[in-house]
PDB file of N, CA and C in Angstrom:
ATOM      1  N   MET A   1     -51.082  94.646  65.658  1.00  0.00           N
ATOM      2  CA  MET A   1     -50.013  95.068  66.560  1.00  0.00           C
ATOM      3  C   MET A   1     -48.857  95.560  65.697  1.00  0.00           C
ATOM      4  N   SER A   2     -48.278  96.628  66.102  1.00  0.00           N
ATOM      5  CA  SER A   2     -47.214  97.206  65.292  1.00  0.00           C
ATOM      6  C   SER A   2     -45.963  96.342  65.352  1.00  0.00           C
ATOM      7  N   ARG A   3     -45.154  96.450  64.303  1.00  0.00           N
ATOM      8  CA  ARG A   3     -43.926  95.656  64.231  1.00  0.00           C
ATOM      9  C   ARG A   3     -42.957  96.045  65.339  1.00  0.00           C
ATOM     10  N   ILE A   4     -43.046  97.268  65.809  1.00  0.00           N
ATOM     11  CA  ILE A   4     -42.155  97.748  66.861  1.00  0.00           C
ATOM     12  C   ILE A   4     -42.384  96.967  68.154  1.00  0.00           C
ATOM     13  N   LEU A   5     -43.600  96.506  68.380  1.00  0.00           N
ATOM     14  CA  LEU A   5     -43.928  95.820  69.622  1.00  0.00           C
ATOM     15  C   LEU A   5     -43.669  94.323  69.585  1.00  0.00           C
ATOM     16  N   ILE A   6     -43.457  93.770  68.403  1.00  0.00           N
ATOM     17  CA  ILE A   6     -43.284  92.319  68.300  1.00  0.00           C
ATOM     18  C   ILE A   6     -41.976  91.864  68.936  1.00  0.00           C
ATOM     19  N   ALA A   7     -40.853  92.526  68.637  1.00  0.00           N
ATOM     20  CA  ALA A   7     -39.556  92.116  69.197  1.00  0.00           C
ATOM     21  C   ALA A   7     -39.552  92.165  70.722  1.00  0.00           C
ATOM     22  N   PRO A   8     -40.051  93.269  71.334  1.00  0.00           N
ATOM     23  CA  PRO A   8     -40.071  93.271  72.802  1.00  0.00           C
ATOM     24  C   PRO A   8     -40.945  92.156  73.381  1.00  0.00           C
ATOM     25  N   LEU A   9     -42.022  91.830  72.697  1.00  0.00           N
ATOM     26  CA  LEU A   9     -42.875  90.754  73.205  1.00  0.00           C
ATOM     27  C   LEU A   9     -42.183  89.400  73.092  1.00  0.00           C
ATOM     28  N   LEU A  10     -41.382  89.210  72.041  1.00  0.00           N
ATOM     29  CA  LEU A  10     -40.631  87.957  71.930  1.00  0.00           C
ATOM     30  C   LEU A  10     -39.584  87.857  73.027  1.00  0.00           C
ATOM     31  N   ILE A  11     -38.926  88.977  73.319  1.00  0.00           N
ATOM     32  CA  ILE A  11     -37.955  88.986  74.418  1.00  0.00           C
ATOM     33  C   ILE A  11     -38.668  88.739  75.734  1.00  0.00           C
ATOM     34  N   ALA A  12     -39.810  89.373  75.901  1.00  0.00           N
ATOM     35  CA  ALA A  12     -40.590  89.176  77.131  1.00  0.00           C
ATOM     36  C   ALA A  12     -40.995  87.715  77.269  1.00  0.00           C
ATOM     37  N   ALA A  13     -41.331  87.093  76.158  1.00  0.00           N
ATOM     38  CA  ALA A  13     -41.713  85.680  76.204  1.00  0.00           C
ATOM     39  C   ALA A  13     -40.547  84.821  76.665  1.00  0.00           C
ATOM     40  N   SER A  14     -39.354  85.106  76.165  1.00  0.00           N
ATOM     41  CA  SER A  14     -38.202  84.306  76.580  1.00  0.00           C
ATOM     42  C   SER A  14     -37.835  84.581  78.028  1.00  0.00           C
ATOM     43  N   LEU A  15     -37.942  85.826  78.472  1.00  0.00           N
ATOM     44  CA  LEU A  15     -37.640  86.144  79.868  1.00  0.00           C
ATOM     45  C   LEU A  15     -38.675  85.557  80.813  1.00  0.00           C
ATOM     46  N   SER A  16     -39.899  85.449  80.335  1.00  0.00           N
ATOM     47  CA  SER A  16     -40.951  84.951  81.217  1.00  0.00           C
ATOM     48  C   SER A  16     -40.751  83.490  81.582  1.00  0.00           C
ATOM     49  N   LEU A  17     -39.976  82.760  80.767  1.00  0.00           N
ATOM     50  CA  LEU A  17     -39.711  81.365  81.095  1.00  0.00           C
ATOM     51  C   LEU A  17     -38.926  81.260  82.400  1.00  0.00           C
ATOM     52  N   ALA A  18     -38.113  82.273  82.682  1.00  0.00           N
ATOM     53  CA  ALA A  18     -37.320  82.269  83.905  1.00  0.00           C
ATOM     54  C   ALA A  18     -38.073  82.921  85.057  1.00  0.00           C
ATOM     55  N   GLY A  19     -39.138  83.637  84.765  1.00  0.00           N
ATOM     56  CA  GLY A  19     -39.879  84.353  85.800  1.00  0.00           C
ATOM     57  C   GLY A  19     -41.237  83.743  86.036  1.00  0.00           C
ATOM     58  N   CYS A  20     -42.044  84.476  86.755  1.00  0.00           N
ATOM     59  CA  CYS A  20     -43.365  83.976  87.119  1.00  0.00           C
ATOM     60  C   CYS A  20     -44.460  84.511  86.208  1.00  0.00           C
ATOM     61  N   GLN A  21     -44.183  85.553  85.437  1.00  0.00           N
ATOM     62  CA  GLN A  21     -45.204  86.150  84.600  1.00  0.00           C
ATOM     63  C   GLN A  21     -45.109  85.624  83.174  1.00  0.00           C
ATOM     64  N   THR A  22     -46.260  85.496  82.541  1.00  0.00           N
ATOM     65  CA  THR A  22     -46.280  85.091  81.140  1.00  0.00           C
ATOM     66  C   THR A  22     -46.050  86.314  80.278  1.00  0.00           C
ATOM     67  N   ALA A  23     -45.763  86.102  78.994  1.00  0.00           N
ATOM     68  CA  ALA A  23     -45.561  87.211  78.061  1.00  0.00           C
ATOM     69  C   ALA A  23     -46.825  88.065  77.988  1.00  0.00           C
ATOM     70  N   GLN A  24     -47.966  87.412  78.023  1.00  0.00           N
ATOM     71  CA  GLN A  24     -49.230  88.150  77.961  1.00  0.00           C
ATOM     72  C   GLN A  24     -49.392  89.031  79.208  1.00  0.00           C
ATOM     73  N   GLU A  25     -49.051  88.500  80.371  1.00  0.00           N
ATOM     74  CA  GLU A  25     -49.152  89.291  81.601  1.00  0.00           C
ATOM     75  C   GLU A  25     -48.196  90.480  81.572  1.00  0.00           C
ATOM     76  N   LEU A  26     -46.989  90.244  81.059  1.00  0.00           N
ATOM     77  CA  LEU A  26     -46.028  91.340  80.944  1.00  0.00           C
ATOM     78  C   LEU A  26     -46.539  92.410  79.983  1.00  0.00           C
ATOM     79  N   ALA A  27     -47.093  91.978  78.862  1.00  0.00           N
ATOM     80  CA  ALA A  27     -47.626  92.925  77.883  1.00  0.00           C
ATOM     81  C   ALA A  27     -48.779  93.721  78.477  1.00  0.00           C
ATOM     82  N   GLN A  28     -49.645  93.049  79.229  1.00  0.00           N
ATOM     83  CA  GLN A  28     -50.766  93.747  79.862  1.00  0.00           C
ATOM     84  C   GLN A  28     -50.267  94.754  80.899  1.00  0.00           C
ATOM     85  N   GLU A  29     -49.257  94.373  81.638  1.00  0.00           N
ATOM     86  CA  GLU A  29     -48.683  95.281  82.631  1.00  0.00           C
ATOM     87  C   GLU A  29     -48.044  96.492  81.953  1.00  0.00           C
ATOM     88  N   ASP A  30     -47.297  96.250  80.878  1.00  0.00           N
ATOM     89  CA  ASP A  30     -46.688  97.355  80.137  1.00  0.00           C
ATOM     90  C   ASP A  30     -47.752  98.263  79.531  1.00  0.00           C
ATOM     91  N   ASP A  31     -48.803  97.653  78.977  1.00  0.00           N
ATOM     92  CA  ASP A  31     -49.898  98.427  78.397  1.00  0.00           C
ATOM     93  C   ASP A  31     -50.533  99.317  79.465  1.00  0.00           C
ATOM     94  N   ALA A  32     -50.801  98.748  80.628  1.00  0.00           N
ATOM     95  CA  ALA A  32     -51.417  99.518  81.709  1.00  0.00           C
ATOM     96  C   ALA A  32     -50.508 100.660  82.157  1.00  0.00           C
ATOM     97  N   THR A  33     -49.216 100.395  82.216  1.00  0.00           N
ATOM     98  CA  THR A  33     -48.266 101.434  82.621  1.00  0.00           C
ATOM     99  C   THR A  33     -48.283 102.583  81.617  1.00  0.00           C
ATOM    100  N   CYS A  34     -48.175 102.243  80.339  1.00  0.00           N
ATOM    101  CA  CYS A  34     -48.141 103.291  79.308  1.00  0.00           C
ATOM    102  C   CYS A  34     -49.466 104.050  79.231  1.00  0.00           C
ATOM    103  N   ARG A  35     -50.566 103.350  79.380  1.00  0.00           N
ATOM    104  CA  ARG A  35     -51.872 104.031  79.366  1.00  0.00           C
ATOM    105  C   ARG A  35     -52.041 104.912  80.602  1.00  0.00           C
ATOM    106  N   SER A  36     -51.405 104.512  81.729  1.00  0.00           N
ATOM    107  CA  SER A  36     -51.520 105.341  82.937  1.00  0.00           C
ATOM    108  C   SER A  36     -50.810 106.681  82.751  1.00  0.00           C
ATOM    109  N   TYR A  37     -49.894 106.752  81.772  1.00  0.00           N
ATOM    110  CA  TYR A  37     -49.224 108.007  81.446  1.00  0.00           C
ATOM    111  C   TYR A  37     -50.063 108.850  80.482  1.00  0.00           C
ATOM    112  N   GLY A  38     -51.224 108.324  80.099  1.00  0.00           N
ATOM    113  CA  GLY A  38     -52.100 109.049  79.177  1.00  0.00           C
ATOM    114  C   GLY A  38     -51.795 108.793  77.717  1.00  0.00           C
ATOM    115  N   LEU A  39     -50.983 107.775  77.448  1.00  0.00           N
ATOM    116  CA  LEU A  39     -50.620 107.475  76.069  1.00  0.00           C
ATOM    117  C   LEU A  39     -51.664 106.567  75.434  1.00  0.00           C
ATOM    118  N   GLN A  40     -51.877 106.762  74.134  1.00  0.00           N
ATOM    119  CA  GLN A  40     -52.876 105.988  73.401  1.00  0.00           C
ATOM    120  C   GLN A  40     -52.198 104.932  72.536  1.00  0.00           C
ATOM    121  N   PHE A  41     -52.780 103.727  72.532  1.00  0.00           N
ATOM    122  CA  PHE A  41     -52.277 102.635  71.704  1.00  0.00           C
ATOM    123  C   PHE A  41     -52.204 103.098  70.256  1.00  0.00           C
ATOM    124  N   GLY A  42     -51.115 102.741  69.584  1.00  0.00           N
ATOM    125  CA  GLY A  42     -50.959 103.066  68.163  1.00  0.00           C
ATOM    126  C   GLY A  42     -50.198 104.353  67.904  1.00  0.00           C
ATOM    127  N   THR A  43     -49.934 105.125  68.945  1.00  0.00           N
ATOM    128  CA  THR A  43     -49.176 106.369  68.739  1.00  0.00           C
ATOM    129  C   THR A  43     -47.681 106.088  68.902  1.00  0.00           C
ATOM    130  N   PRO A  44     -46.846 106.937  68.295  1.00  0.00           N
ATOM    131  CA  PRO A  44     -45.398 106.750  68.454  1.00  0.00           C
ATOM    132  C   PRO A  44     -44.954 106.820  69.921  1.00  0.00           C
ATOM    133  N   ASP A  45     -45.567 107.703  70.687  1.00  0.00           N
ATOM    134  CA  ASP A  45     -45.196 107.805  72.108  1.00  0.00           C
ATOM    135  C   ASP A  45     -45.544 106.527  72.872  1.00  0.00           C
ATOM    136  N   TYR A  46     -46.678 105.926  72.527  1.00  0.00           N
ATOM    137  CA  TYR A  46     -47.082 104.670  73.174  1.00  0.00           C
ATOM    138  C   TYR A  46     -46.071 103.572  72.824  1.00  0.00           C
ATOM    139  N   ALA A  47     -45.688 103.493  71.541  1.00  0.00           N
ATOM    140  CA  ALA A  47     -44.720 102.472  71.106  1.00  0.00           C
ATOM    141  C   ALA A  47     -43.373 102.683  71.810  1.00  0.00           C
ATOM    142  N   GLN A  48     -42.964 103.941  71.935  1.00  0.00           N
ATOM    143  CA  GLN A  48     -41.712 104.241  72.622  1.00  0.00           C
ATOM    144  C   GLN A  48     -41.801 103.859  74.092  1.00  0.00           C
ATOM    145  N   CYS A  49     -42.942 104.105  74.708  1.00  0.00           N
ATOM    146  CA  CYS A  49     -43.142 103.726  76.110  1.00  0.00           C
ATOM    147  C   CYS A  49     -43.027 102.211  76.273  1.00  0.00           C
ATOM    148  N   ARG A  50     -43.637 101.469  75.367  1.00  0.00           N
ATOM    149  CA  ARG A  50     -43.582 100.007  75.452  1.00  0.00           C
ATOM    150  C   ARG A  50     -42.151  99.511  75.270  1.00  0.00           C
ATOM    151  N   GLN A  51     -41.416 100.130  74.370  1.00  0.00           N
ATOM    152  CA  GLN A  51     -40.013  99.749  74.179  1.00  0.00           C
ATOM    153  C   GLN A  51     -39.209 100.046  75.442  1.00  0.00           C
ATOM    154  N   TYR A  52     -39.489 101.167  76.058  1.00  0.00           N
ATOM    155  CA  TYR A  52     -38.793 101.523  77.296  1.00  0.00           C
ATOM    156  C   TYR A  52     -39.101 100.504  78.393  1.00  0.00           C
ATOM    157  N   GLN A  53     -40.355 100.105  78.479  1.00  0.00           N
ATOM    158  CA  GLN A  53     -40.742  99.124  79.501  1.00  0.00           C
ATOM    159  C   GLN A  53     -39.967  97.822  79.309  1.00  0.00           C
ATOM    160  N   GLN A  54     -39.854  97.385  78.054  1.00  0.00           N
ATOM    161  CA  GLN A  54     -39.125  96.151  77.764  1.00  0.00           C
ATOM    162  C   GLN A  54     -37.637  96.314  78.050  1.00  0.00           C
ATOM    163  N   ALA A  55     -37.067  97.446  77.641  1.00  0.00           N
ATOM    164  CA  ALA A  55     -35.637  97.681  77.879  1.00  0.00           C
ATOM    165  C   ALA A  55     -35.352  97.715  79.376  1.00  0.00           C
ATOM    166  N   ASP A  56     -36.234  98.331  80.133  1.00  0.00           N
ATOM    167  CA  ASP A  56     -36.065  98.397  81.587  1.00  0.00           C
ATOM    168  C   ASP A  56     -36.126  96.995  82.199  1.00  0.00           C
ATOM    169  N   ARG A  57     -37.076  96.193  81.752  1.00  0.00           N
ATOM    170  CA  ARG A  57     -37.203  94.826  82.267  1.00  0.00           C
ATOM    171  C   ARG A  57     -35.964  94.008  81.913  1.00  0.00           C
ATOM    172  N   THR A  58     -35.471  94.171  80.682  1.00  0.00           N
ATOM    173  CA  THR A  58     -34.274  93.450  80.249  1.00  0.00           C
ATOM    174  C   THR A  58     -33.060  93.864  81.083  1.00  0.00           C
ATOM    175  N   ALA A  59     -32.922  95.164  81.324  1.00  0.00           N
ATOM    176  CA  ALA A  59     -31.798  95.657  82.129  1.00  0.00           C
ATOM    177  C   ALA A  59     -31.874  95.123  83.560  1.00  0.00           C
ATOM    178  N   ARG A  60     -33.074  95.106  84.135  1.00  0.00           N
ATOM    179  CA  ARG A  60     -33.224  94.571  85.493  1.00  0.00           C
ATOM    180  C   ARG A  60     -32.895  93.082  85.528  1.00  0.00           C
ATOM    181  N   TYR A  61     -33.294  92.351  84.503  1.00  0.00           N
ATOM    182  CA  TYR A  61     -33.017  90.915  84.448  1.00  0.00           C
ATOM    183  C   TYR A  61     -31.508  90.672  84.318  1.00  0.00           C
ATOM    184  N   GLN A  62     -30.840  91.474  83.470  1.00  0.00           N
ATOM    185  CA  GLN A  62     -29.391  91.321  83.298  1.00  0.00           C
ATOM    186  C   GLN A  62     -28.657  91.681  84.593  1.00  0.00           C
ATOM    187  N   ALA A  63     -29.126  92.714  85.282  1.00  0.00           N
ATOM    188  CA  ALA A  63     -28.518  93.077  86.566  1.00  0.00           C
ATOM    189  C   ALA A  63     -28.695  91.946  87.572  1.00  0.00           C
ATOM    190  N   TYR A  64     -29.870  91.321  87.556  1.00  0.00           N
ATOM    191  CA  TYR A  64     -30.124  90.178  88.436  1.00  0.00           C
ATOM    192  C   TYR A  64     -29.148  89.043  88.124  1.00  0.00           C
ATOM    193  N   GLN A  65     -28.963  88.758  86.836  1.00  0.00           N
ATOM    194  CA  GLN A  65     -28.046  87.687  86.444  1.00  0.00           C
ATOM    195  C   GLN A  65     -26.612  88.013  86.877  1.00  0.00           C
ATOM    196  N   GLN A  66     -26.209  89.271  86.747  1.00  0.00           N
ATOM    197  CA  GLN A  66     -24.869  89.664  87.169  1.00  0.00           C
ATOM    198  C   GLN A  66     -24.707  89.506  88.677  1.00  0.00           C
ATOM    199  N   ARG A  67     -25.728  89.914  89.439  1.00  0.00           N
ATOM    200  CA  ARG A  67     -25.664  89.742  90.899  1.00  0.00           C
ATOM    201  C   ARG A  67     -25.541  88.271  91.258  1.00  0.00           C
ATOM    202  N   GLN A  68     -26.296  87.429  90.572  1.00  0.00           N
ATOM    203  CA  GLN A  68     -26.233  85.995  90.832  1.00  0.00           C
ATOM    204  C   GLN A  68     -24.838  85.454  90.532  1.00  0.00           C
ATOM    205  N   ALA A  69     -24.249  85.897  89.429  1.00  0.00           N
ATOM    206  CA  ALA A  69     -22.905  85.435  89.056  1.00  0.00           C
ATOM    207  C   ALA A  69     -21.880  85.878  90.097  1.00  0.00           C
ATOM    208  N   ILE A  70     -22.007  87.117  90.573  1.00  0.00           N
ATOM    209  CA  ILE A  70     -21.080  87.618  91.598  1.00  0.00           C
ATOM    210  C   ILE A  70     -21.254  86.841  92.893  1.00  0.00           C
ATOM    211  N   GLU A  71     -22.501  86.610  93.288  1.00  0.00           N
ATOM    212  CA  GLU A  71     -22.754  85.841  94.510  1.00  0.00           C
ATOM    213  C   GLU A  71     -22.212  84.427  94.393  1.00  0.00           C
ATOM    214  N   ASN A  72     -22.397  83.803  93.233  1.00  0.00           N
ATOM    215  CA  ASN A  72     -21.878  82.445  93.024  1.00  0.00           C
ATOM    216  C   ASN A  72     -20.354  82.423  93.071  1.00  0.00           C
ATOM    217  N   ALA A  73     -19.719  83.429  92.477  1.00  0.00           N
ATOM    218  CA  ALA A  73     -18.256  83.495  92.505  1.00  0.00           C
ATOM    219  C   ALA A  73     -17.760  83.711  93.934  1.00  0.00           C
ATOM    220  N   ALA A  74     -18.437  84.574  94.677  1.00  0.00           N
ATOM    221  CA  ALA A  74     -18.040  84.825  96.068  1.00  0.00           C
ATOM    222  C   ALA A  74     -18.214  83.563  96.908  1.00  0.00           C
ATOM    223  N   ARG A  75     -19.295  82.850  96.665  1.00  0.00           N
ATOM    224  CA  ARG A  75     -19.553  81.604  97.399  1.00  0.00           C
ATOM    225  C   ARG A  75     -18.482  80.568  97.072  1.00  0.00           C
ATOM    226  N   ALA A  76     -18.130  80.463  95.801  1.00  0.00           N
ATOM    227  CA  ALA A  76     -17.098  79.499  95.391  1.00  0.00           C
ATOM    228  C   ALA A  76     -15.750  79.873  96.003  1.00  0.00           C
ATOM    229  N   PHE A  77     -15.425  81.160  96.025  1.00  0.00           N
ATOM    230  CA  PHE A  77     -14.169  81.612  96.628  1.00  0.00           C
ATOM    231  C   PHE A  77     -14.158  81.303  98.115  1.00  0.00           C
ATOM    232  N   SER A  78     -15.269  81.564  98.774  1.00  0.00           N
ATOM    233  CA  SER A  78     -15.363  81.297 100.209  1.00  0.00           C
ATOM    234  C   SER A  78     -15.199  79.807 100.495  1.00  0.00           C
ATOM    235  N   ASN A  79     -15.870  78.983  99.698  1.00  0.00           N
ATOM    236  CA  ASN A  79     -15.757  77.536  99.888  1.00  0.00           C
ATOM    237  C   ASN A  79     -14.332  77.057  99.649  1.00  0.00           C
ATOM    238  N   ALA A  80     -13.676  77.610  98.632  1.00  0.00           N
ATOM    239  CA  ALA A  80     -12.298  77.223  98.346  1.00  0.00           C
ATOM    240  C   ALA A  80     -11.374  77.651  99.483  1.00  0.00           C
ATOM    241  N   THR A  81     -11.617  78.829 100.039  1.00  0.00           N
ATOM    242  CA  THR A  81     -10.806  79.318 101.153  1.00  0.00           C
ATOM    243  C   THR A  81     -10.956  78.418 102.370  1.00  0.00           C
ATOM    244  N   VAL A  82     -12.192  78.035 102.664  1.00  0.00           N
ATOM    245  CA  VAL A  82     -12.444  77.142 103.794  1.00  0.00           C
ATOM    246  C   VAL A  82     -11.767  75.799 103.557  1.00  0.00           C
ATOM    247  N   GLN A  83     -11.880  75.281 102.332  1.00  0.00           N
ATOM    248  CA  GLN A  83     -11.264  73.989 102.013  1.00  0.00           C
ATOM    249  C   GLN A  83      -9.747  74.084 102.122  1.00  0.00           C
ATOM    250  N   ASN A  84      -9.169  75.174 101.650  1.00  0.00           N
ATOM    251  CA  ASN A  84      -7.715  75.350 101.760  1.00  0.00           C
ATOM    252  C   ASN A  84      -7.290  75.408 103.220  1.00  0.00           C
ATOM    253  N   GLU A  85      -8.072  76.065 104.032  1.00  0.00           N
ATOM    254  CA  GLU A  85      -7.751  76.161 105.458  1.00  0.00           C
ATOM    255  C   GLU A  85      -7.793  74.779 106.111  1.00  0.00           C
ATOM    256  N   LYS A  86      -8.759  73.955 105.689  1.00  0.00           N
ATOM    257  CA  LYS A  86      -8.857  72.598 106.241  1.00  0.00           C
ATOM    258  C   LYS A  86      -7.657  71.744 105.824  1.00  0.00           C
ATOM    259  N   ASN A  87      -7.161  71.986 104.603  1.00  0.00           N
ATOM    260  CA  ASN A  87      -6.050  71.193 104.080  1.00  0.00           C
ATOM    261  C   ASN A  87      -4.678  71.730 104.500  1.00  0.00           C
ATOM    262  N   ARG A  88      -4.654  72.887 105.118  1.00  0.00           N
ATOM    263  CA  ARG A  88      -3.381  73.513 105.494  1.00  0.00           C
ATOM    264  C   ARG A  88      -2.687  72.682 106.567  1.00  0.00           C
ATOM    265  N   LYS A  89      -1.419  72.480 106.355  1.00  0.00           N
ATOM    266  CA  LYS A  89      -0.625  71.751 107.347  1.00  0.00           C
ATOM    267  C   LYS A  89      -0.338  72.682 108.515  1.00  0.00           C
ATOM    268  N   PRO A  90      -0.286  72.121 109.709  1.00  0.00           N
ATOM    269  CA  PRO A  90       0.018  72.966 110.861  1.00  0.00           C
ATOM    270  C   PRO A  90       1.401  73.588 110.726  1.00  0.00           C
ATOM    271  N   THR A  91       1.525  74.777 111.224  1.00  0.00           N
ATOM    272  CA  THR A  91       2.800  75.483 111.197  1.00  0.00           C
ATOM    273  C   THR A  91       3.505  75.254 112.523  1.00  0.00           C
ATOM    274  N   GLU A  92       4.782  75.057 112.443  1.00  0.00           N
ATOM    275  CA  GLU A  92       5.568  74.845 113.658  1.00  0.00           C
ATOM    276  C   GLU A  92       6.556  75.985 113.839  1.00  0.00           C
ATOM    277  N   LYS A  93       6.717  76.346 115.083  1.00  0.00           N
ATOM    278  CA  LYS A  93       7.746  77.323 115.429  1.00  0.00           C
ATOM    279  C   LYS A  93       8.715  76.599 116.351  1.00  0.00           C
ATOM    280  N   CYS A  94       9.941  76.547 115.937  1.00  0.00           N
ATOM    281  CA  CYS A  94      10.932  75.804 116.712  1.00  0.00           C
ATOM    282  C   CYS A  94      12.020  76.742 117.231  1.00  0.00           C
ATOM    283  N   SER A  95      12.506  76.387 118.367  1.00  0.00           N
ATOM    284  CA  SER A  95      13.635  77.129 118.956  1.00  0.00           C
ATOM    285  C   SER A  95      14.446  76.167 119.822  1.00  0.00           C
ATOM    286  N   MET A  96      15.568  76.626 120.216  1.00  0.00           N
ATOM    287  CA  MET A  96      16.432  75.802 121.073  1.00  0.00           C
ATOM    288  C   MET A  96      16.206  76.240 122.522  1.00  0.00           C
ATOM    289  N   SER A  97      16.112  75.245 123.390  1.00  0.00           N
ATOM    290  CA  SER A  97      15.942  75.552 124.812  1.00  0.00           C
ATOM    291  C   SER A  97      17.267  76.049 125.390  1.00  0.00           C
ATOM    292  N   PRO A  98      17.178  76.775 126.470  1.00  0.00           N
ATOM    293  CA  PRO A  98      18.434  77.201 127.106  1.00  0.00           C
ATOM    294  C   PRO A  98      19.255  75.972 127.514  1.00  0.00           C
ATOM    295  N   PRO A  99      20.551  76.112 127.529  1.00  0.00           N
ATOM    296  CA  PRO A  99      21.406  74.963 127.888  1.00  0.00           C
ATOM    297  C   PRO A  99      21.119  74.478 129.316  1.00  0.00           C
ATOM    298  N   ASP A 100      21.152  73.149 129.465  1.00  0.00           N
ATOM    299  CA  ASP A 100      20.997  72.542 130.793  1.00  0.00           C
ATOM    300  C   ASP A 100      22.301  72.723 131.574  1.00  0.00           C
ATOM    301  N   LYS A 101      22.322  72.160 132.791  1.00  0.00           N
ATOM    302  CA  LYS A 101      23.538  72.219 133.622  1.00  0.00           C
ATOM    303  C   LYS A 101      24.715  71.533 132.939  1.00  0.00           C
ATOM    304  N   ASP A 102      24.365  70.501 132.152  1.00  0.00           N
ATOM    305  CA  ASP A 102      25.459  69.781 131.481  1.00  0.00           C
ATOM    306  C   ASP A 102      25.841  70.446 130.146  1.00  0.00           C
ATOM    307  N   GLY A 103      25.145  71.547 129.768  1.00  0.00           N
ATOM    308  CA  GLY A 103      25.498  72.293 128.565  1.00  0.00           C
ATOM    309  C   GLY A 103      24.739  71.883 127.320  1.00  0.00           C
ATOM    310  N   SER A 104      23.859  70.879 127.449  1.00  0.00           N
ATOM    311  CA  SER A 104      23.105  70.463 126.256  1.00  0.00           C
ATOM    312  C   SER A 104      21.795  71.265 126.175  1.00  0.00           C
ATOM    313  N   SER A 105      21.355  71.473 124.976  1.00  0.00           N
ATOM    314  CA  SER A 105      20.055  72.152 124.772  1.00  0.00           C
ATOM    315  C   SER A 105      19.202  71.270 123.866  1.00  0.00           C
ATOM    316  N   LYS A 106      17.923  71.502 123.933  1.00  0.00           N
ATOM    317  CA  LYS A 106      16.991  70.678 123.154  1.00  0.00           C
ATOM    318  C   LYS A 106      16.225  71.591 122.187  1.00  0.00           C
ATOM    319  N   ARG A 107      15.800  70.958 121.123  1.00  0.00           N
ATOM    320  CA  ARG A 107      14.944  71.681 120.166  1.00  0.00           C
ATOM    321  C   ARG A 107      13.524  71.585 120.666  1.00  0.00           C
ATOM    322  N   VAL A 108      12.853  72.737 120.768  1.00  0.00           N
ATOM    323  CA  VAL A 108      11.464  72.792 121.246  1.00  0.00           C
ATOM    324  C   VAL A 108      10.611  73.385 120.133  1.00  0.00           C
ATOM    325  N   CYS A 109       9.574  72.624 119.723  1.00  0.00           N
ATOM    326  CA  CYS A 109       8.702  73.088 118.633  1.00  0.00           C
ATOM    327  C   CYS A 109       7.272  73.231 119.144  1.00  0.00           C
ATOM    328  N   THR A 110       6.595  74.255 118.651  1.00  0.00           N
ATOM    329  CA  THR A 110       5.195  74.496 119.003  1.00  0.00           C
ATOM    330  C   THR A 110       4.399  74.553 117.703  1.00  0.00           C
ATOM    331  N   SER A 111       3.323  73.790 117.644  1.00  0.00           N
ATOM    332  CA  SER A 111       2.451  73.806 116.468  1.00  0.00           C
ATOM    333  C   SER A 111       1.329  74.824 116.672  1.00  0.00           C
ATOM    334  N   TYR A 112       0.959  75.497 115.593  1.00  0.00           N
ATOM    335  CA  TYR A 112      -0.189  76.409 115.650  1.00  0.00           C
ATOM    336  C   TYR A 112      -0.824  76.486 114.298  1.00  0.00           C
TER     337      TYR A 112
END
């Protein structure tokens, strides 16, 4: 196996721990993809195709991780907002009532 293919396979092996496919399955899938393009094992074009397959998989995995981080941050923000709303003290609006016949007025407050 060429030295060019070893690094992508090591990366594939580490990524496979988080996924469902083994490094061997990923390599077989990449091999099948590159051969379906008519490329022959051992040629520079085949090696470049395999590198592209690995780079594409790595980019998709990183995009997945970024989406997960964004979703987790949004969830945490939402939970914090809900918790803040639960802890919020009621707001009162107060005003003075019109004067009675005797001239006194009362403070009237409404909570919301």
